[in-house]
Protein backbone atom coordinates (compact mmCIF):
# COMPACT_ATOMS: atom_id res chain seq x y z
CA UNK A 1 7.67 37.97 12.82
CA UNK A 2 4.84 40.45 12.39
CA UNK A 3 7.15 43.34 13.31
CA UNK A 4 9.74 42.22 10.73
CA UNK A 5 7.06 42.16 8.03
CA UNK A 6 5.92 45.65 9.00
CA UNK A 7 9.48 47.02 8.73
CA UNK A 8 10.42 45.31 5.48
CA UNK A 9 12.71 47.27 3.14
CA UNK A 10 11.76 46.94 -0.54
CA UNK A 11 12.88 48.45 -3.82
CA UNK A 12 10.30 51.05 -4.82
CA UNK A 13 12.14 53.00 -7.51
CA UNK A 14 13.97 50.96 -10.12
CA UNK A 15 17.38 51.90 -11.48
CA UNK A 16 16.05 53.51 -14.65
CA UNK A 17 13.51 55.52 -12.66
CA UNK A 18 16.29 56.95 -10.53
CA UNK A 19 18.41 57.71 -13.61
CA UNK A 20 15.41 59.34 -15.27
CA UNK A 21 14.58 61.38 -12.16
CA UNK A 22 18.06 62.83 -11.55
CA UNK A 23 18.91 63.20 -15.24
CA UNK A 24 15.70 65.06 -15.87
CA UNK A 25 16.23 67.20 -12.76
CA UNK A 26 19.66 68.33 -14.01
CA UNK A 27 18.37 69.04 -17.52
CA UNK A 28 15.29 70.93 -16.35
CA UNK A 29 17.39 73.05 -13.98
CA UNK A 30 19.77 73.92 -16.82
CA UNK A 31 16.84 74.68 -19.14
CA UNK A 32 15.23 76.95 -16.55
CA UNK A 33 18.47 78.87 -15.92
CA UNK A 34 19.29 79.29 -19.62
CA UNK A 35 15.67 80.08 -20.48
CA UNK A 36 15.46 82.81 -17.85
CA UNK A 37 18.77 84.23 -19.05
CA UNK A 38 17.47 84.23 -22.63
CA UNK A 39 14.61 86.40 -21.36
CA UNK A 40 17.15 88.83 -19.91
CA UNK A 41 16.43 88.22 -16.22
CA UNK A 42 20.12 87.76 -15.32
CA UNK A 43 23.52 86.97 -16.83
CA UNK A 44 25.19 83.68 -15.99
CA UNK A 45 26.49 81.96 -19.12
CA UNK A 46 26.27 84.89 -21.54
CA UNK A 47 23.35 85.26 -23.95
CA UNK A 48 24.87 83.31 -26.86
CA UNK A 49 26.09 80.46 -24.67
CA UNK A 50 22.77 80.36 -22.82
CA UNK A 51 20.86 79.90 -26.09
CA UNK A 52 23.28 77.21 -27.27
CA UNK A 53 23.11 75.34 -23.94
CA UNK A 54 19.33 75.66 -23.91
CA UNK A 55 19.05 74.08 -27.34
CA UNK A 56 21.48 71.23 -26.55
CA UNK A 57 19.80 70.47 -23.21
CA UNK A 58 16.40 70.64 -24.88
CA UNK A 59 17.27 67.98 -27.46
CA UNK A 60 18.86 65.73 -24.82
CA UNK A 61 15.72 66.16 -22.70
CA UNK A 62 13.50 65.29 -25.67
CA UNK A 63 15.51 62.09 -26.17
CA UNK A 64 15.22 61.25 -22.47
CA UNK A 65 11.45 61.77 -22.57
CA UNK A 66 11.20 59.32 -25.49
CA UNK A 67 13.09 56.78 -23.36
CA UNK A 68 10.84 57.52 -20.38
CA UNK A 69 7.64 56.96 -22.38
CA UNK A 70 9.07 53.79 -23.92
CA UNK A 71 9.96 52.44 -20.47
CA UNK A 72 6.60 53.42 -18.92
CA UNK A 73 4.55 51.69 -21.61
CA UNK A 74 6.73 48.59 -22.09
CA UNK A 75 7.03 47.80 -18.36
CA UNK A 76 3.41 48.44 -17.43
CA UNK A 77 4.42 51.33 -15.16
CA UNK A 78 1.75 53.47 -16.84
CA UNK A 79 -0.65 51.91 -14.32
CA UNK A 80 1.04 53.95 -11.60
CA UNK A 81 -0.41 57.10 -13.21
CA UNK A 82 -3.99 55.88 -13.56
CA UNK A 83 -6.22 58.41 -11.71
CA UNK A 84 -8.03 57.14 -8.64
CA UNK A 85 -10.40 58.81 -6.19
CA UNK A 86 -9.81 56.16 -3.52
CA UNK A 87 -8.55 57.83 -0.32
CA UNK A 88 -8.31 61.21 -2.05
CA UNK A 89 -10.19 62.85 0.84
CA UNK A 90 -7.82 61.51 3.52
CA UNK A 91 -4.78 62.43 1.39
CA UNK A 92 -6.06 65.98 0.88
CA UNK A 93 -6.78 66.29 4.60
CA UNK A 94 -3.23 65.13 5.37
CA UNK A 95 -1.66 67.80 3.15
CA UNK A 96 -3.94 70.57 4.45
CA UNK A 97 -3.84 69.62 8.12
CA UNK A 98 -2.28 66.31 9.13
CA UNK A 99 1.27 67.09 8.01
CA UNK A 100 1.35 70.12 10.31
CA UNK A 101 0.31 68.18 13.43
CA UNK A 102 2.52 65.12 12.95
CA UNK A 103 -0.03 62.66 11.57
CA UNK A 104 1.10 59.65 9.53
CA UNK A 105 0.63 59.80 5.79
CA UNK A 106 -2.53 57.83 4.86
CA UNK A 107 -0.90 56.37 1.76
CA UNK A 108 1.43 53.40 2.23
CA UNK A 109 3.87 53.13 -0.66
CA UNK A 110 4.45 49.76 -2.35
CA UNK A 111 6.19 48.83 -5.64
CA UNK A 112 2.73 48.30 -7.19
CA UNK A 113 1.22 51.50 -5.75
CA UNK A 114 3.91 54.17 -5.45
CA UNK A 115 1.81 57.30 -5.62
CA UNK A 116 -1.12 58.60 -3.61
CA UNK A 117 -4.23 59.83 -5.50
CA UNK A 118 -3.07 63.46 -5.67
CA UNK A 119 0.40 62.45 -6.88
CA UNK A 120 -1.16 60.24 -9.56
CA UNK A 121 -3.20 63.15 -10.87
CA UNK A 122 -0.30 65.59 -10.65
CA UNK A 123 2.21 63.32 -12.37
CA UNK A 124 -0.36 62.41 -15.02
CA UNK A 125 -0.72 66.10 -15.94
CA UNK A 126 3.04 66.73 -15.77
CA UNK A 127 4.37 63.67 -17.58
CA UNK A 128 1.66 63.22 -20.20
CA UNK A 129 0.71 66.89 -20.61
CA UNK A 130 3.22 69.58 -19.70
CA UNK A 131 6.42 67.72 -20.64
CA UNK A 132 5.31 66.80 -24.19
CA UNK A 133 3.90 70.31 -24.70
CA UNK A 134 7.22 71.87 -23.66
CA UNK A 135 9.22 69.63 -25.98
CA UNK A 136 6.86 70.13 -28.95
CA UNK A 137 6.78 73.93 -28.58
CA UNK A 138 10.57 73.95 -28.13
CA UNK A 139 11.08 71.95 -31.33
CA UNK A 140 8.67 74.25 -33.20
CA UNK A 141 10.62 77.22 -31.88
CA UNK A 142 13.97 75.77 -32.97
CA UNK A 143 12.78 74.72 -36.43
CA UNK A 144 10.51 77.73 -37.01
CA UNK A 145 12.36 78.98 -40.16
CA UNK A 146 12.00 75.55 -41.80
CA UNK A 147 8.39 75.12 -40.66
CA UNK A 148 7.50 78.57 -42.01
CA UNK A 149 9.24 77.82 -45.31
CA UNK A 150 7.09 74.69 -45.68
CA UNK A 151 3.94 76.61 -44.73
CA UNK A 152 3.32 74.59 -41.56
CA UNK A 153 3.22 77.65 -39.27
CA UNK A 154 3.46 81.33 -40.11
CA UNK A 155 3.72 82.95 -36.67
CA UNK A 156 5.78 82.01 -33.64
CA UNK A 157 4.06 84.29 -31.10
CA UNK A 158 1.52 81.80 -29.72
CA UNK A 159 4.10 79.01 -29.59
CA UNK A 160 6.55 81.29 -27.74
CA UNK A 161 3.85 82.24 -25.21
CA UNK A 162 2.87 78.59 -24.67
CA UNK A 163 6.52 77.60 -24.24
CA UNK A 164 7.14 80.35 -21.67
CA UNK A 165 3.90 79.89 -19.69
CA UNK A 166 4.41 76.13 -19.63
CA UNK A 167 7.99 76.64 -18.42
CA UNK A 168 6.70 78.67 -15.47
CA UNK A 169 4.13 75.93 -14.75
CA UNK A 170 6.96 73.36 -14.65
CA UNK A 171 8.99 75.69 -12.43
CA UNK A 172 6.00 75.96 -10.06
CA UNK A 173 5.77 72.16 -9.95
CA UNK A 174 9.50 71.98 -9.16
CA UNK A 175 9.09 74.35 -6.21
CA UNK A 176 6.11 72.35 -4.87
CA UNK A 177 7.99 69.08 -5.45
CA UNK A 178 11.02 70.33 -3.49
CA UNK A 179 8.74 71.39 -0.66
CA UNK A 180 6.84 68.10 -0.54
CA UNK A 181 9.96 65.92 -0.36
CA UNK A 182 10.34 67.28 3.18
CA UNK A 183 7.12 65.45 4.20
CA UNK A 184 8.88 62.14 4.82
CA UNK A 185 9.38 60.51 8.19
CA UNK A 186 12.76 62.29 8.24
CA UNK A 187 13.83 65.31 6.21
CA UNK A 188 16.05 63.10 4.06
CA UNK A 189 13.69 60.10 3.73
CA UNK A 190 12.28 60.82 0.26
CA UNK A 191 15.63 61.95 -1.14
CA UNK A 192 17.32 58.79 0.17
CA UNK A 193 14.59 56.65 -1.41
CA UNK A 194 15.18 58.25 -4.80
CA UNK A 195 18.95 57.71 -4.46
CA UNK A 196 18.90 54.10 -3.25
CA UNK A 197 15.52 53.12 -4.65
CA UNK A 198 14.64 51.49 -1.33
CA UNK A 199 11.87 52.36 1.08
CA UNK A 200 10.85 50.91 4.43
CA UNK A 201 7.23 49.78 4.41
């Protein structure tokens, strides 16, 4: 009986979370590709098409982020992102040392406590900081002629720099995120959990 309890399979990531995760992943990838092409780093869609796709994807992403924030605050899921220093030392030790010698992760995921202390802090910065900043600067960029006509902003330089630097910060997070999903019990464990929503605890 005790062994069955220890190997219980539960739903960790709800349906909307999985939709949000994969939808956002596709949009962010498209935004990165079209944004880099707009900066002249390569040619994939063609400059005009890249700009048009970037704008369309940006507005869809902004709408998705509104849905994400609505869901987080109406379901109480915002608690998952509350910073905590509990077990932060053991988590940090695991990422710096334990993962390379086969130690078990010190954090045990549950529906009420999905993220370890470092994930909580990271996702807090990403979701409530970098994502809104990217959307706001993107909207300012798109509507710059109108905003300038109304005297709201006169120069786009700082906004353009913020938008670009923030995009590289999000790209860096994506690279780290892709690396860290390999830290599961199996190489496919974390990906499978985000597809099915289920995790063995």
